[in-house]
Amino acid sequence: MRVTANTFPNSLVDQLANLTSRQNRLQNQAATGQRIQLPEDDPAAMRRVLELQTESKSVSQFERNISTLRDQAQSTFEVIRGLKKVSDRAGELAVLADGTKSPDELKIYAIEVTSLIKQAAQLANTKFRGDYLLSGTKNDTVPFAVTTDVNGSVTGIAFQGNQSIANSEIADGVTLSAQTIGENTTGSGPRGLLSDSRYGNDLFNHLIALQDNLLAGDTATIASTTRAQLGSDEDNILLHFGTNGAIQSQLESTSSLGKRRSDALELLVSKEADADLAETLVRLNQTQNAYRAAMQSGANMLGNSLLDYLR
């Protein structure tokens, strides 16, 4: 077989190019700490890394959802706590308003109840990050509109939200809502915080009834009806306390699991993609030695003349 004169130079150039490419790759691995830079470096490992990174992004999104829901639940908790204080004081006034009180005293109580109603309405119209907490999915609408008469007494409060709530995914296949709706008179769906026709709860209207009965001096109705109604409203508020606490507890436990999963995924990605620095440096040194040897060998071969062979 005839060997052409340029066979050795071509082979040398190819070998030097391969060694140069290997050196560059190993130097890059040593500098970045990453074993895989391109899919062709390790196709199977690259696929596993991409899958792990996709899962990690999902876990990160779940954590962001959880963080938002946690903040929302905590804001709602403050609203519920404020309403509990209003309910407590209204119950006290309903008990104080007995047959021994004068009309003037009852009127003073009525003025305080009016203030409590307006305070409760302000709490119920609380915003969270620009959205109203108790309006359902109509979170750009003020949930409760207050109507007063010329004397400043509250004559009515109308709910303007809806009974729908938005759910967020907090883990694979797990959704949760931290929303609480202000009122539900549909007979189904989530329980209303201030009013729910299924359970006879209607805090605003019961407070208005207490206000009006105090102004009218009707202590008998307060004793026979209003006190029990306010007691039922307080029980409803306490139920929402428990529900809110359960939501926050679930968010906390899910967040803890998500963080552990995120750490595990990070370790798996590192295992697949990170370079072993000691091994990389050894391979780089071997490649550099091979490159120098190839250069020396090529120089010796190409530096020989025809006379060298004839001697």
C-alpha atoms as a PDB file:
ATOM      1  CA  MET A   1       0.000   0.000   0.000  1.00  0.00           C
ATOM      2  CA  ARG A   2       1.354   3.401  -0.961  1.00  0.00           C
ATOM      3  CA  VAL A   3       1.642   5.940   1.841  1.00  0.00           C
ATOM      4  CA  THR A   4       1.477   9.521   0.629  1.00  0.00           C
ATOM      5  CA  ALA A   5       3.922  12.114   1.849  1.00  0.00           C
ATOM      6  CA  ASN A   6       1.268  14.124   3.685  1.00  0.00           C
ATOM      7  CA  THR A   7      -0.200  11.197   5.677  1.00  0.00           C
ATOM      8  CA  PHE A   8       1.884  11.829   8.787  1.00  0.00           C
ATOM      9  CA  PRO A   9       1.378  15.651   8.845  1.00  0.00           C
ATOM     10  CA  ASN A  10      -2.373  15.219   8.451  1.00  0.00           C
ATOM     11  CA  SER A  11      -2.491  12.631  11.200  1.00  0.00           C
ATOM     12  CA  LEU A  12      -0.399  14.859  13.440  1.00  0.00           C
ATOM     13  CA  VAL A  13      -2.660  17.853  12.857  1.00  0.00           C
ATOM     14  CA  ASP A  14      -5.730  15.767  13.680  1.00  0.00           C
ATOM     15  CA  GLN A  15      -4.172  14.448  16.861  1.00  0.00           C
ATOM     16  CA  LEU A  16      -3.048  17.919  17.973  1.00  0.00           C
ATOM     17  CA  ALA A  17      -6.535  19.287  17.288  1.00  0.00           C
ATOM     18  CA  ASN A  18      -8.098  16.531  19.411  1.00  0.00           C
ATOM     19  CA  LEU A  19      -5.627  17.110  22.222  1.00  0.00           C
ATOM     20  CA  THR A  20      -6.198  20.886  22.056  1.00  0.00           C
ATOM     21  CA  SER A  21      -9.950  20.370  22.225  1.00  0.00           C
ATOM     22  CA  ARG A  22      -9.555  18.011  25.196  1.00  0.00           C
ATOM     23  CA  GLN A  23      -7.267  20.491  26.953  1.00  0.00           C
ATOM     24  CA  ASN A  24      -9.750  23.315  26.456  1.00  0.00           C
ATOM     25  CA  ARG A  25     -12.588  21.188  27.779  1.00  0.00           C
ATOM     26  CA  LEU A  26     -10.646  20.085  30.852  1.00  0.00           C
ATOM     27  CA  GLN A  27      -9.405  23.624  31.529  1.00  0.00           C
ATOM     28  CA  ASN A  28     -12.971  24.868  31.330  1.00  0.00           C
ATOM     29  CA  GLN A  29     -14.116  22.136  33.719  1.00  0.00           C
ATOM     30  CA  ALA A  30     -11.356  23.037  36.168  1.00  0.00           C
ATOM     31  CA  ALA A  31     -12.236  26.735  35.961  1.00  0.00           C
ATOM     32  CA  THR A  32     -16.019  26.383  36.226  1.00  0.00           C
ATOM     33  CA  GLY A  33     -16.271  23.217  38.300  1.00  0.00           C
ATOM     34  CA  GLN A  34     -18.795  21.865  35.769  1.00  0.00           C
ATOM     35  CA  ARG A  35     -18.207  18.524  34.094  1.00  0.00           C
ATOM     36  CA  ILE A  36     -20.943  19.016  31.493  1.00  0.00           C
ATOM     37  CA  GLN A  37     -20.963  22.124  29.334  1.00  0.00           C
ATOM     38  CA  LEU A  38     -22.537  20.769  26.152  1.00  0.00           C
ATOM     39  CA  PRO A  39     -24.942  17.864  25.495  1.00  0.00           C
ATOM     40  CA  GLU A  40     -22.232  15.940  23.663  1.00  0.00           C
ATOM     41  CA  ASP A  41     -20.053  15.931  26.805  1.00  0.00           C
ATOM     42  CA  ASP A  42     -22.350  13.287  28.350  1.00  0.00           C
ATOM     43  CA  PRO A  43     -25.765  12.988  26.656  1.00  0.00           C
ATOM     44  CA  ALA A  44     -27.307  10.680  29.280  1.00  0.00           C
ATOM     45  CA  ALA A  45     -26.127  12.822  32.185  1.00  0.00           C
ATOM     46  CA  MET A  46     -27.233  15.990  30.405  1.00  0.00           C
ATOM     47  CA  ARG A  47     -30.748  14.546  30.040  1.00  0.00           C
ATOM     48  CA  ARG A  48     -30.845  13.686  33.742  1.00  0.00           C
ATOM     49  CA  VAL A  49     -29.606  17.148  34.677  1.00  0.00           C
ATOM     50  CA  LEU A  50     -32.260  18.838  32.539  1.00  0.00           C
ATOM     51  CA  GLU A  51     -34.981  16.693  34.114  1.00  0.00           C
ATOM     52  CA  LEU A  52     -33.706  17.484  37.597  1.00  0.00           C
ATOM     53  CA  GLN A  53     -33.509  21.193  36.808  1.00  0.00           C
ATOM     54  CA  THR A  54     -37.080  21.159  35.485  1.00  0.00           C
ATOM     55  CA  GLU A  55     -38.278  19.529  38.702  1.00  0.00           C
ATOM     56  CA  SER A  56     -36.256  22.020  40.726  1.00  0.00           C
ATOM     57  CA  LYS A  57     -37.961  24.916  38.935  1.00  0.00           C
ATOM     58  CA  SER A  58     -41.356  23.402  39.769  1.00  0.00           C
ATOM     59  CA  VAL A  59     -40.382  23.064  43.425  1.00  0.00           C
ATOM     60  CA  SER A  60     -39.210  26.691  43.433  1.00  0.00           C
ATOM     61  CA  GLN A  61     -42.545  27.808  41.969  1.00  0.00           C
ATOM     62  CA  PHE A  62     -44.397  25.810  44.626  1.00  0.00           C
ATOM     63  CA  GLU A  63     -42.353  27.599  47.291  1.00  0.00           C
ATOM     64  CA  ARG A  64     -43.230  30.999  45.826  1.00  0.00           C
ATOM     65  CA  ASN A  65     -46.905  30.016  45.818  1.00  0.00           C
ATOM     66  CA  ILE A  66     -46.635  28.867  49.421  1.00  0.00           C
ATOM     67  CA  SER A  67     -44.958  32.116  50.442  1.00  0.00           C
ATOM     68  CA  THR A  68     -47.760  34.164  48.880  1.00  0.00           C
ATOM     69  CA  LEU A  69     -50.455  31.990  50.458  1.00  0.00           C
ATOM     70  CA  ARG A  70     -48.753  32.169  53.840  1.00  0.00           C
ATOM     71  CA  ASP A  71     -48.677  35.970  53.731  1.00  0.00           C
ATOM     72  CA  GLN A  72     -52.308  36.018  52.625  1.00  0.00           C
ATOM     73  CA  ALA A  73     -53.334  33.640  55.418  1.00  0.00           C
ATOM     74  CA  GLN A  74     -51.511  35.745  58.008  1.00  0.00           C
ATOM     75  CA  SER A  75     -53.212  38.917  56.758  1.00  0.00           C
ATOM     76  CA  THR A  76     -56.588  37.162  56.910  1.00  0.00           C
ATOM     77  CA  PHE A  77     -55.770  35.994  60.438  1.00  0.00           C
ATOM     78  CA  GLU A  78     -55.311  39.616  61.516  1.00  0.00           C
ATOM     79  CA  VAL A  79     -58.718  40.468  60.032  1.00  0.00           C
ATOM     80  CA  ILE A  80     -60.350  37.567  61.855  1.00  0.00           C
ATOM     81  CA  ARG A  81     -58.676  38.560  65.102  1.00  0.00           C
ATOM     82  CA  GLY A  82     -59.908  42.126  64.736  1.00  0.00           C
ATOM     83  CA  LEU A  83     -63.444  40.915  64.044  1.00  0.00           C
ATOM     84  CA  LYS A  84     -63.246  38.683  67.117  1.00  0.00           C
ATOM     85  CA  LYS A  85     -62.511  41.744  69.253  1.00  0.00           C
ATOM     86  CA  VAL A  86     -65.491  43.561  67.722  1.00  0.00           C
ATOM     87  CA  SER A  87     -67.705  40.543  68.361  1.00  0.00           C
ATOM     88  CA  ASP A  88     -66.500  40.258  71.961  1.00  0.00           C
ATOM     89  CA  ARG A  89     -67.254  43.881  72.719  1.00  0.00           C
ATOM     90  CA  ALA A  90     -70.640  43.735  71.010  1.00  0.00           C
ATOM     91  CA  GLY A  91     -71.527  40.689  73.135  1.00  0.00           C
ATOM     92  CA  GLU A  92     -70.515  42.574  76.270  1.00  0.00           C
ATOM     93  CA  LEU A  93     -72.703  45.523  75.331  1.00  0.00           C
ATOM     94  CA  ALA A  94     -75.622  43.175  74.601  1.00  0.00           C
ATOM     95  CA  VAL A  95     -75.286  41.786  78.128  1.00  0.00           C
ATOM     96  CA  LEU A  96     -74.912  45.223  79.706  1.00  0.00           C
ATOM     97  CA  ALA A  97     -78.067  46.457  77.949  1.00  0.00           C
ATOM     98  CA  ASP A  98     -80.545  45.123  80.482  1.00  0.00           C
ATOM     99  CA  GLY A  99     -83.687  46.601  81.952  1.00  0.00           C
ATOM    100  CA  THR A 100     -81.757  48.573  84.557  1.00  0.00           C
ATOM    101  CA  LYS A 101     -80.138  50.945  82.054  1.00  0.00           C
ATOM    102  CA  SER A 102     -81.537  54.330  81.260  1.00  0.00           C
ATOM    103  CA  PRO A 103     -82.363  55.445  77.675  1.00  0.00           C
ATOM    104  CA  ASP A 104     -79.318  57.720  77.708  1.00  0.00           C
ATOM    105  CA  GLU A 105     -77.052  54.857  78.721  1.00  0.00           C
ATOM    106  CA  LEU A 106     -78.526  52.681  76.005  1.00  0.00           C
ATOM    107  CA  LYS A 107     -77.949  55.450  73.475  1.00  0.00           C
ATOM    108  CA  ILE A 108     -74.306  55.638  74.502  1.00  0.00           C
ATOM    109  CA  TYR A 109     -74.059  51.894  73.973  1.00  0.00           C
ATOM    110  CA  ALA A 110     -75.700  52.336  70.561  1.00  0.00           C
ATOM    111  CA  ILE A 111     -73.118  54.923  69.544  1.00  0.00           C
ATOM    112  CA  GLU A 112     -70.342  52.494  70.488  1.00  0.00           C
ATOM    113  CA  VAL A 113     -72.010  49.691  68.505  1.00  0.00           C
ATOM    114  CA  THR A 114     -72.200  51.990  65.472  1.00  0.00           C
ATOM    115  CA  SER A 115     -68.469  52.562  65.836  1.00  0.00           C
ATOM    116  CA  LEU A 116     -67.916  48.808  66.111  1.00  0.00           C
ATOM    117  CA  ILE A 117     -69.880  48.196  62.908  1.00  0.00           C
ATOM    118  CA  LYS A 118     -67.779  50.714  60.995  1.00  0.00           C
ATOM    119  CA  GLN A 119     -64.609  49.226  62.483  1.00  0.00           C
ATOM    120  CA  ALA A 120     -65.696  45.739  61.398  1.00  0.00           C
ATOM    121  CA  ALA A 121     -66.459  47.022  57.891  1.00  0.00           C
ATOM    122  CA  GLN A 122     -63.014  48.591  57.690  1.00  0.00           C
ATOM    123  CA  LEU A 123     -61.431  45.298  58.747  1.00  0.00           C
ATOM    124  CA  ALA A 124     -63.555  43.341  56.266  1.00  0.00           C
ATOM    125  CA  ASN A 125     -62.391  45.661  53.463  1.00  0.00           C
ATOM    126  CA  THR A 126     -58.710  44.990  54.136  1.00  0.00           C
ATOM    127  CA  LYS A 127     -56.422  44.654  51.117  1.00  0.00           C
ATOM    128  CA  PHE A 128     -53.557  42.259  50.563  1.00  0.00           C
ATOM    129  CA  ARG A 129     -51.034  43.278  47.896  1.00  0.00           C
ATOM    130  CA  GLY A 130     -53.620  45.476  46.246  1.00  0.00           C
ATOM    131  CA  ASP A 131     -56.439  42.894  46.334  1.00  0.00           C
ATOM    132  CA  TYR A 132     -59.362  42.781  48.747  1.00  0.00           C
ATOM    133  CA  LEU A 133     -59.096  39.763  51.024  1.00  0.00           C
ATOM    134  CA  LEU A 134     -62.780  38.906  51.457  1.00  0.00           C
ATOM    135  CA  SER A 135     -64.187  39.578  47.949  1.00  0.00           C
ATOM    136  CA  GLY A 136     -63.544  36.100  46.567  1.00  0.00           C
ATOM    137  CA  THR A 137     -62.261  36.211  43.007  1.00  0.00           C
ATOM    138  CA  LYS A 138     -63.733  39.712  42.601  1.00  0.00           C
ATOM    139  CA  ASN A 139     -60.719  40.931  44.483  1.00  0.00           C
ATOM    140  CA  ASP A 140     -60.691  44.318  42.764  1.00  0.00           C
ATOM    141  CA  THR A 141     -64.115  45.121  44.265  1.00  0.00           C
ATOM    142  CA  VAL A 142     -64.679  46.487  47.764  1.00  0.00           C
ATOM    143  CA  PRO A 143     -66.374  43.556  49.531  1.00  0.00           C
ATOM    144  CA  PHE A 144     -68.680  45.533  51.840  1.00  0.00           C
ATOM    145  CA  ALA A 145     -70.447  48.822  51.119  1.00  0.00           C
ATOM    146  CA  VAL A 146     -71.735  50.697  54.189  1.00  0.00           C
ATOM    147  CA  THR A 147     -74.902  52.819  54.192  1.00  0.00           C
ATOM    148  CA  THR A 148     -75.620  55.319  56.955  1.00  0.00           C
ATOM    149  CA  ASP A 149     -78.451  57.717  57.799  1.00  0.00           C
ATOM    150  CA  VAL A 150     -78.238  61.437  58.516  1.00  0.00           C
ATOM    151  CA  ASN A 151     -77.411  60.700  62.159  1.00  0.00           C
ATOM    152  CA  GLY A 152     -74.464  58.513  61.257  1.00  0.00           C
ATOM    153  CA  SER A 153     -76.123  55.262  62.287  1.00  0.00           C
ATOM    154  CA  VAL A 154     -75.464  52.310  59.988  1.00  0.00           C
ATOM    155  CA  THR A 155     -78.591  51.306  58.095  1.00  0.00           C
ATOM    156  CA  GLY A 156     -77.168  48.547  55.918  1.00  0.00           C
ATOM    157  CA  ILE A 157     -74.048  46.791  54.649  1.00  0.00           C
ATOM    158  CA  ALA A 158     -74.099  45.101  51.250  1.00  0.00           C
ATOM    159  CA  PHE A 159     -71.690  42.394  50.130  1.00  0.00           C
ATOM    160  CA  GLN A 160     -70.272  43.061  46.651  1.00  0.00           C
ATOM    161  CA  GLY A 161     -67.857  40.172  46.229  1.00  0.00           C
ATOM    162  CA  ASN A 162     -68.561  36.596  45.146  1.00  0.00           C
ATOM    163  CA  GLN A 163     -68.346  33.121  46.608  1.00  0.00           C
ATOM    164  CA  SER A 164     -65.466  31.840  44.445  1.00  0.00           C
ATOM    165  CA  ILE A 165     -61.927  31.341  45.703  1.00  0.00           C
ATOM    166  CA  ALA A 166     -58.657  30.924  43.822  1.00  0.00           C
ATOM    167  CA  ASN A 167     -56.497  27.853  44.417  1.00  0.00           C
ATOM    168  CA  SER A 168     -52.733  27.648  44.008  1.00  0.00           C
ATOM    169  CA  GLU A 169     -50.616  24.545  43.518  1.00  0.00           C
ATOM    170  CA  ILE A 170     -48.301  23.986  46.483  1.00  0.00           C
ATOM    171  CA  ALA A 171     -47.007  20.516  45.517  1.00  0.00           C
ATOM    172  CA  ASP A 172     -47.494  18.024  42.706  1.00  0.00           C
ATOM    173  CA  GLY A 173     -51.249  17.508  42.453  1.00  0.00           C
ATOM    174  CA  VAL A 174     -51.925  19.489  45.671  1.00  0.00           C
ATOM    175  CA  THR A 175     -53.821  22.781  45.524  1.00  0.00           C
ATOM    176  CA  LEU A 176     -54.832  25.072  48.366  1.00  0.00           C
ATOM    177  CA  SER A 177     -56.538  28.413  48.873  1.00  0.00           C
ATOM    178  CA  ALA A 178     -55.839  30.825  51.708  1.00  0.00           C
ATOM    179  CA  GLN A 179     -58.818  32.955  50.763  1.00  0.00           C
ATOM    180  CA  THR A 180     -61.789  33.567  53.052  1.00  0.00           C
ATOM    181  CA  ILE A 181     -64.983  35.001  51.598  1.00  0.00           C
ATOM    182  CA  GLY A 182     -66.918  37.625  53.482  1.00  0.00           C
ATOM    183  CA  GLU A 183     -70.419  36.331  52.815  1.00  0.00           C
ATOM    184  CA  ASN A 184     -72.120  33.267  51.390  1.00  0.00           C
ATOM    185  CA  THR A 185     -75.875  33.127  50.930  1.00  0.00           C
ATOM    186  CA  THR A 186     -75.851  30.578  48.090  1.00  0.00           C
ATOM    187  CA  GLY A 187     -76.239  27.508  50.290  1.00  0.00           C
ATOM    188  CA  SER A 188     -73.030  25.889  49.029  1.00  0.00           C
ATOM    189  CA  GLY A 189     -69.338  26.564  48.714  1.00  0.00           C
ATOM    190  CA  PRO A 190     -66.872  28.006  51.237  1.00  0.00           C
ATOM    191  CA  ARG A 191     -68.161  29.275  54.558  1.00  0.00           C
ATOM    192  CA  GLY A 192     -68.648  33.023  54.860  1.00  0.00           C
ATOM    193  CA  LEU A 193     -66.718  34.839  57.563  1.00  0.00           C
ATOM    194  CA  LEU A 194     -69.320  37.481  58.380  1.00  0.00           C
ATOM    195  CA  SER A 195     -72.448  35.939  56.934  1.00  0.00           C
ATOM    196  CA  ASP A 196     -73.537  32.444  55.930  1.00  0.00           C
ATOM    197  CA  SER A 197     -77.181  31.586  55.372  1.00  0.00           C
ATOM    198  CA  ARG A 198     -76.619  27.886  56.077  1.00  0.00           C
ATOM    199  CA  TYR A 199     -75.744  28.533  59.712  1.00  0.00           C
ATOM    200  CA  GLY A 200     -77.741  31.665  60.491  1.00  0.00           C
ATOM    201  CA  ASN A 201     -74.632  33.835  60.760  1.00  0.00           C
ATOM    202  CA  ASP A 202     -74.906  37.493  59.804  1.00  0.00           C
ATOM    203  CA  LEU A 203     -72.643  39.606  61.993  1.00  0.00           C
ATOM    204  CA  PHE A 204     -73.255  42.955  60.318  1.00  0.00           C
ATOM    205  CA  ASN A 205     -77.052  42.717  60.357  1.00  0.00           C
ATOM    206  CA  HIS A 206     -77.011  41.430  63.925  1.00  0.00           C
ATOM    207  CA  LEU A 207     -74.823  44.353  64.973  1.00  0.00           C
ATOM    208  CA  ILE A 208     -77.173  46.744  63.188  1.00  0.00           C
ATOM    209  CA  ALA A 209     -80.104  45.103  65.021  1.00  0.00           C
ATOM    210  CA  LEU A 210     -78.276  45.626  68.326  1.00  0.00           C
ATOM    211  CA  GLN A 211     -77.645  49.259  67.427  1.00  0.00           C
ATOM    212  CA  ASP A 212     -81.305  49.839  66.508  1.00  0.00           C
ATOM    213  CA  ASN A 213     -82.648  48.017  69.553  1.00  0.00           C
ATOM    214  CA  LEU A 214     -80.395  50.070  71.804  1.00  0.00           C
ATOM    215  CA  LEU A 215     -81.619  53.283  70.202  1.00  0.00           C
ATOM    216  CA  ALA A 216     -85.201  52.093  70.652  1.00  0.00           C
ATOM    217  CA  GLY A 217     -84.589  50.948  74.230  1.00  0.00           C
ATOM    218  CA  ASP A 218     -85.790  47.449  73.322  1.00  0.00           C
ATOM    219  CA  THR A 219     -83.749  45.482  75.841  1.00  0.00           C
ATOM    220  CA  ALA A 220     -86.200  42.576  75.761  1.00  0.00           C
ATOM    221  CA  THR A 221     -85.413  41.768  72.118  1.00  0.00           C
ATOM    222  CA  ILE A 222     -81.708  42.128  72.816  1.00  0.00           C
ATOM    223  CA  ALA A 223     -81.994  39.607  75.647  1.00  0.00           C
ATOM    224  CA  SER A 224     -84.229  37.130  73.819  1.00  0.00           C
ATOM    225  CA  THR A 225     -82.754  37.267  70.308  1.00  0.00           C
ATOM    226  CA  THR A 226     -79.746  39.480  69.691  1.00  0.00           C
ATOM    227  CA  ARG A 227     -77.445  37.963  72.297  1.00  0.00           C
ATOM    228  CA  ALA A 228     -77.893  34.464  70.876  1.00  0.00           C
ATOM    229  CA  GLN A 229     -77.368  35.722  67.330  1.00  0.00           C
ATOM    230  CA  LEU A 230     -74.136  37.460  68.287  1.00  0.00           C
ATOM    231  CA  GLY A 231     -73.024  34.302  70.110  1.00  0.00           C
ATOM    232  CA  SER A 232     -73.551  32.276  66.932  1.00  0.00           C
ATOM    233  CA  ASP A 233     -71.595  34.860  64.942  1.00  0.00           C
ATOM    234  CA  GLU A 234     -68.723  34.585  67.408  1.00  0.00           C
ATOM    235  CA  ASP A 235     -68.717  30.792  67.054  1.00  0.00           C
ATOM    236  CA  ASN A 236     -68.442  31.247  63.290  1.00  0.00           C
ATOM    237  CA  ILE A 237     -65.478  33.568  63.736  1.00  0.00           C
ATOM    238  CA  LEU A 238     -63.809  31.029  66.020  1.00  0.00           C
ATOM    239  CA  LEU A 239     -64.349  28.336  63.389  1.00  0.00           C
ATOM    240  CA  HIS A 240     -62.523  30.518  60.861  1.00  0.00           C
ATOM    241  CA  PHE A 241     -59.702  30.940  63.372  1.00  0.00           C
ATOM    242  CA  GLY A 242     -59.283  27.168  63.360  1.00  0.00           C
ATOM    243  CA  THR A 243     -59.525  26.891  59.593  1.00  0.00           C
ATOM    244  CA  ASN A 244     -56.952  29.625  59.107  1.00  0.00           C
ATOM    245  CA  GLY A 245     -54.600  27.933  61.560  1.00  0.00           C
ATOM    246  CA  ALA A 246     -54.961  24.608  59.742  1.00  0.00           C
ATOM    247  CA  ILE A 247     -54.141  26.290  56.426  1.00  0.00           C
ATOM    248  CA  GLN A 248     -51.034  27.935  57.843  1.00  0.00           C
ATOM    249  CA  SER A 249     -49.941  24.629  59.393  1.00  0.00           C
ATOM    250  CA  GLN A 250     -50.351  22.816  56.062  1.00  0.00           C
ATOM    251  CA  LEU A 251     -48.407  25.528  54.254  1.00  0.00           C
ATOM    252  CA  GLU A 252     -45.605  25.311  56.795  1.00  0.00           C
ATOM    253  CA  SER A 253     -45.275  21.531  56.569  1.00  0.00           C
ATOM    254  CA  THR A 254     -45.483  21.562  52.761  1.00  0.00           C
ATOM    255  CA  SER A 255     -42.850  24.293  52.606  1.00  0.00           C
ATOM    256  CA  SER A 256     -40.541  22.236  54.826  1.00  0.00           C
ATOM    257  CA  LEU A 257     -40.943  19.195  52.581  1.00  0.00           C
ATOM    258  CA  GLY A 258     -40.361  21.347  49.497  1.00  0.00           C
ATOM    259  CA  LYS A 259     -37.137  22.784  50.884  1.00  0.00           C
ATOM    260  CA  ARG A 260     -35.817  19.303  51.655  1.00  0.00           C
ATOM    261  CA  ARG A 261     -36.724  18.205  48.129  1.00  0.00           C
ATOM    262  CA  SER A 262     -35.005  21.275  46.677  1.00  0.00           C
ATOM    263  CA  ASP A 263     -31.816  20.502  48.615  1.00  0.00           C
ATOM    264  CA  ALA A 264     -31.937  16.883  47.433  1.00  0.00           C
ATOM    265  CA  LEU A 265     -32.369  17.952  43.811  1.00  0.00           C
ATOM    266  CA  GLU A 266     -29.453  20.349  44.107  1.00  0.00           C
ATOM    267  CA  LEU A 267     -27.244  17.525  45.345  1.00  0.00           C
ATOM    268  CA  LEU A 268     -28.379  15.250  42.507  1.00  0.00           C
ATOM    269  CA  VAL A 269     -27.632  17.914  39.898  1.00  0.00           C
ATOM    270  CA  SER A 270     -24.251  18.515  41.498  1.00  0.00           C
ATOM    271  CA  LYS A 271     -23.505  14.808  41.416  1.00  0.00           C
ATOM    272  CA  GLU A 272     -24.300  14.620  37.715  1.00  0.00           C
ATOM    273  CA  ALA A 273     -22.810  17.902  36.516  1.00  0.00           C
ATOM    274  CA  ASP A 274     -19.995  18.896  38.875  1.00  0.00           C
ATOM    275  CA  ALA A 275     -16.435  17.993  37.967  1.00  0.00           C
ATOM    276  CA  ASP A 276     -14.098  16.155  40.334  1.00  0.00           C
ATOM    277  CA  LEU A 277     -11.361  18.778  40.549  1.00  0.00           C
ATOM    278  CA  ALA A 278      -8.558  16.379  41.472  1.00  0.00           C
ATOM    279  CA  GLU A 279      -9.459  13.953  38.701  1.00  0.00           C
ATOM    280  CA  THR A 280      -9.873  16.788  36.204  1.00  0.00           C
ATOM    281  CA  LEU A 281      -6.446  18.229  37.007  1.00  0.00           C
ATOM    282  CA  VAL A 282      -4.808  14.800  36.619  1.00  0.00           C
ATOM    283  CA  ARG A 283      -6.493  14.297  33.225  1.00  0.00           C
ATOM    284  CA  LEU A 284      -5.532  17.820  32.178  1.00  0.00           C
ATOM    285  CA  ASN A 285      -1.884  17.179  33.090  1.00  0.00           C
ATOM    286  CA  GLN A 286      -1.927  13.898  31.131  1.00  0.00           C
ATOM    287  CA  THR A 287      -3.442  15.626  28.105  1.00  0.00           C
ATOM    288  CA  GLN A 288      -0.882  18.430  28.235  1.00  0.00           C
ATOM    289  CA  ASN A 289       1.949  15.874  28.424  1.00  0.00           C
ATOM    290  CA  ALA A 290       0.487  14.009  25.456  1.00  0.00           C
ATOM    291  CA  TYR A 291       0.229  17.279  23.521  1.00  0.00           C
ATOM    292  CA  ARG A 292       3.870  18.150  24.233  1.00  0.00           C
ATOM    293  CA  ALA A 293       4.963  14.646  23.281  1.00  0.00           C
ATOM    294  CA  ALA A 294       3.050  14.837  20.018  1.00  0.00           C
ATOM    295  CA  MET A 295       4.604  18.196  19.238  1.00  0.00           C
ATOM    296  CA  GLN A 296       8.088  16.859  19.986  1.00  0.00           C
ATOM    297  CA  SER A 297       7.505  13.727  17.914  1.00  0.00           C
ATOM    298  CA  GLY A 298       6.173  15.764  15.022  1.00  0.00           C
ATOM    299  CA  ALA A 299       9.089  18.143  15.172  1.00  0.00           C
ATOM    300  CA  ASN A 300      11.532  15.237  15.070  1.00  0.00           C
ATOM    301  CA  MET A 301       9.794  13.528  12.169  1.00  0.00           C
ATOM    302  CA  LEU A 302       9.195  16.620  10.076  1.00  0.00           C
ATOM    303  CA  GLY A 303      12.661  18.011  10.844  1.00  0.00           C
ATOM    304  CA  ASN A 304      14.455  15.031   9.251  1.00  0.00           C
ATOM    305  CA  SER A 305      15.677  15.529   5.657  1.00  0.00           C
ATOM    306  CA  LEU A 306      16.266  12.938   2.917  1.00  0.00           C
ATOM    307  CA  LEU A 307      19.988  13.000   3.707  1.00  0.00           C
ATOM    308  CA  ASP A 308      19.190  11.883   7.271  1.00  0.00           C
ATOM    309  CA  TYR A 309      17.634   8.724   5.876  1.00  0.00           C
ATOM    310  CA  LEU A 310      20.548   8.095   3.409  1.00  0.00           C
ATOM    311  CA  ARG A 311      23.195   8.133   6.122  1.00  0.00           C
END
